[in-house]
Protein backbone atom coordinates (compact mmCIF):
# COMPACT_ATOMS: atom_id res chain seq x y z
CA UNK A 1 -5.32 -16.60 10.03
CA UNK A 2 -8.56 -15.03 8.52
CA UNK A 3 -9.76 -11.53 8.19
CA UNK A 4 -12.72 -10.65 10.62
CA UNK A 5 -13.34 -6.92 10.17
CA UNK A 6 -12.45 -3.97 8.07
CA UNK A 7 -12.86 -0.23 9.30
CA UNK A 8 -12.73 2.70 6.90
CA UNK A 9 -11.64 5.95 8.54
CA UNK A 10 -11.71 9.39 7.02
CA UNK A 11 -9.01 11.45 8.40
CA UNK A 12 -8.07 15.14 7.82
CA UNK A 13 -4.37 15.69 8.33
CA UNK A 14 -3.54 19.27 9.02
CA UNK A 15 -0.80 20.81 6.85
CA UNK A 16 1.96 23.30 8.12
CA UNK A 17 1.35 25.31 5.05
CA UNK A 18 -0.89 25.46 2.11
CA UNK A 19 0.28 23.18 -0.80
CA UNK A 20 -0.33 24.81 -4.18
CA UNK A 21 0.20 23.70 -7.69
CA UNK A 22 -1.66 24.17 -11.19
CA UNK A 23 -4.31 21.65 -10.54
CA UNK A 24 -5.25 22.33 -6.83
CA UNK A 25 -4.59 23.88 -3.43
CA UNK A 26 -5.03 22.50 -0.01
CA UNK A 27 -4.55 23.25 3.49
CA UNK A 28 -5.56 19.85 4.77
CA UNK A 29 -5.01 16.43 3.34
CA UNK A 30 -7.82 13.92 3.45
CA UNK A 31 -6.89 10.38 3.54
CA UNK A 32 -8.71 7.07 3.80
CA UNK A 33 -7.39 4.92 6.58
CA UNK A 34 -8.21 1.27 6.53
CA UNK A 35 -8.00 -0.71 9.84
CA UNK A 36 -8.06 -4.57 9.45
CA UNK A 37 -8.34 -7.19 12.34
CA UNK A 38 -7.31 -10.81 11.95
CA UNK A 39 -9.00 -13.58 13.82
CA UNK A 40 -6.16 -13.74 16.38
CA UNK A 41 -6.82 -10.06 17.29
CA UNK A 42 -3.80 -8.70 15.04
CA UNK A 43 -4.39 -5.24 13.75
CA UNK A 44 -3.05 -3.55 10.59
CA UNK A 45 -3.42 -0.15 9.14
CA UNK A 46 -3.27 1.12 5.50
CA UNK A 47 -3.78 4.42 3.63
CA UNK A 48 -5.08 5.67 0.50
CA UNK A 49 -5.27 9.28 -0.73
CA UNK A 50 -8.53 9.46 -2.95
CA UNK A 51 -8.26 12.55 -5.35
CA UNK A 52 -11.12 13.14 -7.80
CA UNK A 53 -8.82 15.20 -10.02
CA UNK A 54 -6.41 12.14 -10.28
CA UNK A 55 -8.30 8.89 -10.29
CA UNK A 56 -11.87 10.22 -10.00
CA UNK A 57 -12.11 8.82 -6.49
CA UNK A 58 -13.53 10.43 -3.31
CA UNK A 59 -13.56 9.05 0.28
CA UNK A 60 -17.21 7.65 -0.10
CA UNK A 61 -16.51 6.11 -3.52
CA UNK A 62 -13.51 4.29 -2.18
CA UNK A 63 -15.47 3.08 0.88
CA UNK A 64 -18.13 1.89 -1.44
CA UNK A 65 -15.61 -0.09 -3.48
CA UNK A 66 -14.27 -1.91 -0.34
CA UNK A 67 -17.78 -2.67 0.84
CA UNK A 68 -18.55 -4.99 -2.03
CA UNK A 69 -15.04 -6.43 -2.56
CA UNK A 70 -15.32 -9.56 -0.25
CA UNK A 71 -11.74 -9.38 0.82
CA UNK A 72 -11.98 -12.16 3.34
CA UNK A 73 -13.11 -14.46 0.66
CA UNK A 74 -10.28 -13.68 -1.50
CA UNK A 75 -7.80 -14.09 1.28
CA UNK A 76 -9.22 -17.18 2.85
CA UNK A 77 -7.02 -18.18 5.81
CA UNK A 78 -3.34 -18.14 4.76
CA UNK A 79 -1.14 -20.33 7.06
CA UNK A 80 2.20 -18.64 6.37
CA UNK A 81 3.53 -15.24 5.30
CA UNK A 82 4.39 -16.06 1.76
CA UNK A 83 0.96 -17.37 1.03
CA UNK A 84 -0.64 -14.23 2.59
CA UNK A 85 1.49 -12.15 0.36
CA UNK A 86 0.52 -13.79 -2.81
CA UNK A 87 -3.11 -13.59 -1.99
CA UNK A 88 -2.87 -9.91 -1.00
CA UNK A 89 -1.05 -9.15 -4.19
CA UNK A 90 -3.94 -10.71 -6.27
CA UNK A 91 -6.79 -8.80 -4.37
CA UNK A 92 -9.13 -7.25 -6.90
CA UNK A 93 -11.99 -4.73 -6.30
CA UNK A 94 -15.15 -4.96 -8.30
CA UNK A 95 -14.86 -3.51 -11.70
CA UNK A 96 -17.07 -0.64 -12.66
CA UNK A 97 -18.42 0.30 -16.04
CA UNK A 98 -16.58 3.06 -18.03
CA UNK A 99 -13.24 2.67 -16.52
CA UNK A 100 -10.95 2.11 -19.44
CA UNK A 101 -7.98 3.39 -17.56
CA UNK A 102 -8.23 0.66 -14.75
CA UNK A 103 -7.98 3.32 -12.07
CA UNK A 104 -11.14 3.72 -10.22
CA UNK A 105 -10.73 2.27 -6.84
CA UNK A 106 -7.12 2.36 -6.85
CA UNK A 107 -6.70 4.41 -3.50
CA UNK A 108 -9.20 1.93 -1.93
CA UNK A 109 -7.13 -0.93 -2.94
CA UNK A 110 -3.89 0.59 -1.92
CA UNK A 111 -5.31 1.29 1.51
CA UNK A 112 -6.56 -2.40 2.12
CA UNK A 113 -3.49 -3.96 0.58
CA UNK A 114 -1.12 -2.10 2.95
CA UNK A 115 -3.35 -2.66 5.99
CA UNK A 116 -3.38 -6.47 5.27
CA UNK A 117 0.45 -6.52 4.67
CA UNK A 118 1.00 -4.83 7.98
CA UNK A 119 -1.37 -7.21 9.72
CA UNK A 120 0.00 -10.28 8.34
CA UNK A 121 3.50 -8.91 8.80
CA UNK A 122 3.00 -8.45 12.48
CA UNK A 123 1.10 -11.80 12.79
CA UNK A 124 4.19 -13.77 11.26
CA UNK A 125 6.76 -11.35 12.54
CA UNK A 126 7.83 -10.40 8.96
CA UNK A 127 8.76 -6.82 7.53
CA UNK A 128 6.79 -5.37 4.67
CA UNK A 129 10.26 -5.39 2.97
CA UNK A 130 9.88 -9.15 2.90
CA UNK A 131 6.81 -8.83 0.97
CA UNK A 132 8.23 -6.47 -1.53
CA UNK A 133 11.32 -8.70 -1.94
CA UNK A 134 9.02 -11.80 -2.54
CA UNK A 135 7.03 -9.94 -5.24
CA UNK A 136 10.27 -8.81 -6.82
CA UNK A 137 11.95 -12.15 -6.90
CA UNK A 138 14.01 -12.75 -9.78
CA UNK A 139 13.96 -9.07 -11.02
CA UNK A 140 17.28 -7.53 -12.00
CA UNK A 141 16.27 -4.21 -10.33
CA UNK A 142 15.82 -5.99 -6.80
CA UNK A 143 18.61 -4.98 -4.38
CA UNK A 144 20.70 -7.51 -2.85
CA UNK A 145 19.47 -6.43 0.40
CA UNK A 146 17.37 -3.43 1.73
CA UNK A 147 19.41 -0.34 1.50
CA UNK A 148 19.45 3.55 2.07
CA UNK A 149 17.17 5.88 0.27
CA UNK A 150 17.86 9.49 -1.19
CA UNK A 151 14.69 11.49 -1.30
CA UNK A 152 14.40 14.71 -3.35
CA UNK A 153 13.32 18.12 -2.30
CA UNK A 154 10.40 20.17 -3.66
CA UNK A 155 9.62 23.84 -4.14
CA UNK A 156 6.05 24.67 -4.41
CA UNK A 157 4.52 27.85 -5.98
CA UNK A 158 4.65 30.59 -3.27
CA UNK A 159 5.72 34.20 -3.14
CA UNK A 160 9.28 35.16 -4.32
CA UNK A 161 10.58 35.52 -0.79
CA UNK A 162 9.29 32.17 0.51
CA UNK A 163 10.56 30.45 -2.60
CA UNK A 164 13.96 31.79 -2.13
CA UNK A 165 13.94 30.64 1.38
CA UNK A 166 12.88 27.19 0.13
CA UNK A 167 15.67 27.10 -2.38
CA UNK A 168 18.38 27.92 0.04
CA UNK A 169 16.92 25.26 2.51
CA UNK A 170 17.30 22.71 -0.29
CA UNK A 171 20.90 23.67 -0.85
CA UNK A 172 21.94 24.03 2.75
CA UNK A 173 20.14 20.70 3.56
CA UNK A 174 22.24 19.01 0.93
CA UNK A 175 19.65 17.65 -1.49
CA UNK A 176 20.92 16.32 -4.77
CA UNK A 177 17.58 16.50 -6.62
CA UNK A 178 14.70 19.27 -6.42
CA UNK A 179 11.39 19.39 -8.04
CA UNK A 180 9.86 22.85 -8.86
CA UNK A 181 6.22 23.50 -9.49
CA UNK A 182 5.51 25.40 -12.56
CA UNK A 183 2.47 26.57 -14.63
CA UNK A 184 0.68 28.22 -11.72
CA UNK A 185 -1.30 31.21 -12.89
CA UNK A 186 0.42 34.58 -12.26
CA UNK A 187 3.90 33.06 -11.81
CA UNK A 188 6.84 34.08 -14.00
CA UNK A 189 8.43 30.62 -14.35
CA UNK A 190 11.44 31.69 -16.44
CA UNK A 191 12.43 34.20 -13.68
CA UNK A 192 11.74 31.82 -11.02
CA UNK A 193 13.99 29.23 -12.42
CA UNK A 194 16.93 31.46 -12.96
CA UNK A 195 16.61 32.54 -9.31
CA UNK A 196 16.50 29.02 -8.26
CA UNK A 197 19.49 27.93 -10.46
CA UNK A 198 21.62 30.88 -9.06
CA UNK A 199 20.83 29.60 -5.48
CA UNK A 200 21.02 25.82 -6.15
CA UNK A 201 23.96 25.95 -8.28
CA UNK A 202 24.56 24.38 -11.74
CA UNK A 203 25.10 20.78 -10.38
CA UNK A 204 21.76 20.52 -8.74
CA UNK A 205 19.39 18.10 -10.64
CA UNK A 206 16.36 20.36 -11.23
CA UNK A 207 13.15 18.98 -12.63
CA UNK A 208 9.76 20.65 -13.33
CA UNK A 209 6.12 19.62 -12.43
CA UNK A 210 3.41 21.43 -14.33
CA UNK A 211 0.45 19.36 -13.08
CA UNK A 212 -1.37 19.54 -16.35
CA UNK A 213 -1.00 23.33 -16.43
CA UNK A 214 -0.68 23.91 -20.26
CA UNK A 215 -2.74 23.16 -23.34
CA UNK A 216 -0.89 21.14 -25.90
CA UNK A 217 -1.04 23.97 -28.56
CA UNK A 218 0.95 26.36 -26.16
CA UNK A 219 3.30 23.81 -24.78
CA UNK A 220 6.25 24.44 -27.02
CA UNK A 221 6.04 28.30 -26.46
CA UNK A 222 5.77 27.77 -22.71
CA UNK A 223 8.79 25.43 -22.50
CA UNK A 224 11.23 27.21 -24.62
CA UNK A 225 12.25 29.89 -22.13
CA UNK A 226 12.55 27.30 -19.42
CA UNK A 227 15.11 25.17 -21.15
CA UNK A 228 17.78 27.69 -20.27
CA UNK A 229 17.74 26.48 -16.66
CA UNK A 230 18.69 23.11 -17.89
CA UNK A 231 15.86 21.05 -16.22
CA UNK A 232 16.30 17.31 -16.19
CA UNK A 233 12.71 16.42 -16.64
CA UNK A 234 9.11 17.89 -17.16
CA UNK A 235 6.36 16.14 -15.36
CA UNK A 236 2.63 15.99 -16.70
CA UNK A 237 2.88 19.19 -18.94
CA UNK A 238 -0.52 18.89 -20.52
CA UNK A 239 -3.98 17.73 -19.25
CA UNK A 240 -4.77 14.00 -19.59
CA UNK A 241 -7.20 14.89 -22.30
CA UNK A 242 -4.35 16.22 -24.44
CA UNK A 243 -1.91 13.32 -23.49
CA UNK A 244 -1.90 11.87 -27.02
CA UNK A 245 -0.51 14.95 -28.41
CA UNK A 246 2.86 14.22 -26.54
CA UNK A 247 3.60 11.67 -29.23
CA UNK A 248 4.33 14.63 -31.67
CA UNK A 249 5.52 17.20 -29.24
CA UNK A 250 7.72 15.19 -26.96
CA UNK A 251 10.48 15.02 -29.51
CA UNK A 252 10.52 18.76 -30.04
CA UNK A 253 10.55 19.78 -26.32
CA UNK A 254 14.27 19.18 -25.48
CA UNK A 255 13.40 17.94 -21.92
CA UNK A 256 12.51 14.39 -20.94
CA UNK A 257 8.72 14.08 -20.29
CA UNK A 258 7.33 12.30 -17.20
CA UNK A 259 3.65 11.06 -16.89
CA UNK A 260 1.76 11.43 -13.64
CA UNK A 261 -1.94 12.20 -13.74
CA UNK A 262 -1.90 10.35 -17.13
CA UNK A 263 -0.25 7.26 -15.55
CA UNK A 264 -2.70 5.69 -13.04
CA UNK A 265 -3.21 1.97 -14.13
CA UNK A 266 -1.74 -0.60 -16.58
CA UNK A 267 -3.89 0.52 -19.61
CA UNK A 268 -2.25 4.14 -19.24
CA UNK A 269 1.20 2.62 -19.25
CA UNK A 270 0.75 0.36 -22.12
CA UNK A 271 -0.73 3.21 -24.10
CA UNK A 272 2.05 5.46 -23.23
CA UNK A 273 4.61 2.86 -24.31
CA UNK A 274 2.96 2.11 -27.61
CA UNK A 275 2.45 5.71 -28.65
CA UNK A 276 5.81 6.98 -27.34
CA UNK A 277 4.27 9.56 -24.97
CA UNK A 278 6.91 9.58 -22.16
CA UNK A 279 10.54 9.07 -21.07
CA UNK A 280 9.71 8.49 -17.41
CA UNK A 281 6.73 7.27 -15.42
CA UNK A 282 5.82 8.83 -11.97
CA UNK A 283 4.34 5.83 -9.95
CA UNK A 284 2.67 6.62 -6.68
CA UNK A 285 1.28 3.94 -4.32
CA UNK A 286 -2.22 5.19 -3.81
CA UNK A 287 -2.79 6.38 -7.40
CA UNK A 288 -1.61 3.25 -8.85
CA UNK A 289 -3.43 0.87 -6.48
CA UNK A 290 -0.97 -0.28 -4.07
CA UNK A 291 2.46 -2.23 -4.02
CA UNK A 292 1.75 -5.02 -6.35
CA UNK A 293 0.12 -2.88 -9.26
CA UNK A 294 2.94 -0.36 -8.75
CA UNK A 295 5.53 -3.08 -9.21
CA UNK A 296 3.86 -4.15 -12.37
CA UNK A 297 4.09 -0.58 -13.73
CA UNK A 298 7.60 -0.32 -12.72
CA UNK A 299 8.42 -3.64 -14.58
CA UNK A 300 6.72 -2.24 -17.70
CA UNK A 301 8.89 0.87 -17.49
CA UNK A 302 12.15 -1.18 -17.02
CA UNK A 303 11.45 -3.59 -19.74
CA UNK A 304 10.83 -0.67 -22.26
CA UNK A 305 13.71 1.43 -21.14
CA UNK A 306 11.86 4.23 -19.27
CA UNK A 307 12.93 5.92 -16.15
CA UNK A 308 10.99 5.75 -13.01
CA UNK A 309 10.13 8.25 -10.22
CA UNK A 310 8.62 6.81 -7.10
CA UNK A 311 6.42 9.62 -6.16
CA UNK A 312 4.11 10.47 -3.29
CA UNK A 313 0.80 12.22 -2.49
CA UNK A 314 1.62 15.87 -0.57
CA UNK A 315 0.14 15.28 2.83
CA UNK A 316 0.17 11.64 3.07
CA UNK A 317 0.65 10.30 6.57
CA UNK A 318 3.48 8.12 8.01
CA UNK A 319 1.64 4.99 6.79
CA UNK A 320 2.12 5.66 3.14
CA UNK A 321 5.67 7.22 3.89
CA UNK A 322 6.60 3.81 5.45
CA UNK A 323 5.13 1.76 2.59
CA UNK A 324 6.91 3.92 0.18
CA UNK A 325 10.13 3.40 2.05
CA UNK A 326 9.90 -0.33 1.98
CA UNK A 327 9.43 -0.20 -1.82
CA UNK A 328 12.25 2.44 -2.39
CA UNK A 329 14.82 0.68 -0.13
CA UNK A 330 14.53 -2.65 -2.12
CA UNK A 331 14.74 -1.09 -5.77
CA UNK A 332 17.86 -0.11 -7.68
CA UNK A 333 17.68 2.36 -10.58
CA UNK A 334 14.89 4.60 -9.46
CA UNK A 335 15.52 8.03 -11.06
CA UNK A 336 13.94 10.04 -8.34
CA UNK A 337 12.29 9.17 -5.02
CA UNK A 338 9.70 11.48 -3.21
CA UNK A 339 8.13 10.95 0.18
CA UNK A 340 8.87 10.98 3.86
CA UNK A 341 8.22 14.66 4.00
CA UNK A 342 6.26 13.89 7.18
CA UNK A 343 7.25 16.52 9.72
CA UNK A 344 8.26 19.06 7.06
CA UNK A 345 4.63 19.07 5.80
CA UNK A 346 2.32 17.85 8.32
CA UNK A 347 1.30 19.78 11.47
CA UNK A 348 0.68 16.40 13.10
CA UNK A 349 1.30 12.75 11.95
CA UNK A 350 -0.57 9.49 12.76
CA UNK A 351 2.35 7.39 13.34
CA UNK A 352 5.47 6.93 15.55
CA UNK A 353 8.53 6.75 15.30
CA UNK A 354 9.18 9.87 13.08
CA UNK A 355 10.60 8.46 9.65
CA UNK A 356 11.10 11.98 8.02
CA UNK A 357 14.27 11.93 5.89
CA UNK A 358 17.33 13.34 7.19
CA UNK A 359 20.06 15.66 5.96
CA UNK A 360 20.37 15.51 2.27
CA UNK A 361 17.23 13.45 1.99
CA UNK A 362 18.76 10.37 3.31
CA UNK A 363 16.95 7.75 5.07
CA UNK A 364 17.63 4.12 6.20
CA UNK A 365 15.41 1.01 5.67
CA UNK A 366 12.79 0.36 8.12
CA UNK A 367 12.82 -2.80 10.31
CA UNK A 368 10.45 -4.40 12.47
CA UNK A 369 7.15 -6.44 11.67
CA UNK A 370 4.73 -5.06 9.21
CA UNK A 371 5.10 -1.28 8.32
CA UNK A 372 7.71 -0.78 11.00
CA UNK A 373 5.62 2.11 12.38
CA UNK A 374 2.80 2.31 14.78
CA UNK A 375 -0.48 4.18 14.46
CA UNK A 376 -1.11 6.35 17.52
CA UNK A 377 -4.63 6.25 18.88
CA UNK A 378 -4.84 9.96 20.16
CA UNK A 379 -4.01 11.76 16.81
CA UNK A 380 -6.09 9.19 14.85
CA UNK A 381 -9.08 10.01 16.97
CA UNK A 382 -8.38 13.67 16.79
CA UNK A 383 -8.13 13.93 12.88
CA UNK A 384 -10.95 11.46 12.26
CA UNK A 385 -13.96 12.89 10.35
CA UNK A 386 -16.00 9.87 9.88
CA UNK A 387 -15.77 6.04 10.27
CA UNK A 388 -17.67 3.10 8.48
CA UNK A 389 -17.56 -0.58 9.43
CA UNK A 390 -17.17 -2.45 6.19
CA UNK A 391 -18.01 -6.02 5.38
CA UNK A 392 -14.94 -8.11 5.31
């Protein structure tokens, strides 16, 4: 069952409200949707979220990377699902010069990997969870069977009134974990955290995400007043250019440090482990290159005693939400899980049925072949910005 066509589709997903953090602000989310067709007519969809300020990618560079990857040659014609999964996991995009972090093309690889797993899952009537379980075979952190997922909530940087409403929603909705965006210019973070702690209660696991907001030289001063709110983790406090400074600063912070923008590929992970830069890794499918590369990063974290957050890209569609669900529902020991915010964030989605998490951030494993969700043609057409037929 060979691959006969690949189409790259640039979509602009409308957000219900602006998403703001220290690095960026957006009212729409641009995604790369990849549509693959097998020689029996089976179709699969995947998604990547190229972000120039994370992996250096744009929609155009992601499409260019796929154009020259010779995916069909790497796949050949697998005769069964297991062979297809192994070959998809081994797919490599052409390397480029000056990419020491192994990250350029990660969103493109993620999109085509998910599309192929979706297509071959449908062709052989197998779930993407089966692919995840095959790739995790023998690992101690593989669940005995796919199980429920507990997602965390998030409070973005908004005005005081809106933030209070968000905090009350988190409490009323029964979340156990909440992430707060900090470091945005003009925000009084110590006061914000005190307000949140009063609303959320002392038992809420409250963690912080700075999105590279602070220079290394000011980090200790910035963090000192935030510790009184007892945060459980601090995500990406410094820009990537300063990340090596965390080797000296991390022991003085009094808060476990999580890497995000500085964790995009295996070289990043190995450097962080060797230099002692982090206590936790935030892995995201698009940022890290898809399911197979993400699992390799998780394994490095587990083997070296680091915690793992399975994150997401704000504004991703139900395609990446579903792929993340398949991963999370088969893993034990994840410290935090983000994703499936679909109807809470998107004004309109690409997929059905709705897989947004329920009360308390709870969600069940997905069933059915492939991703377990279907891409709807009408919203896809409505949100399409541009299309490109790619050489398979």
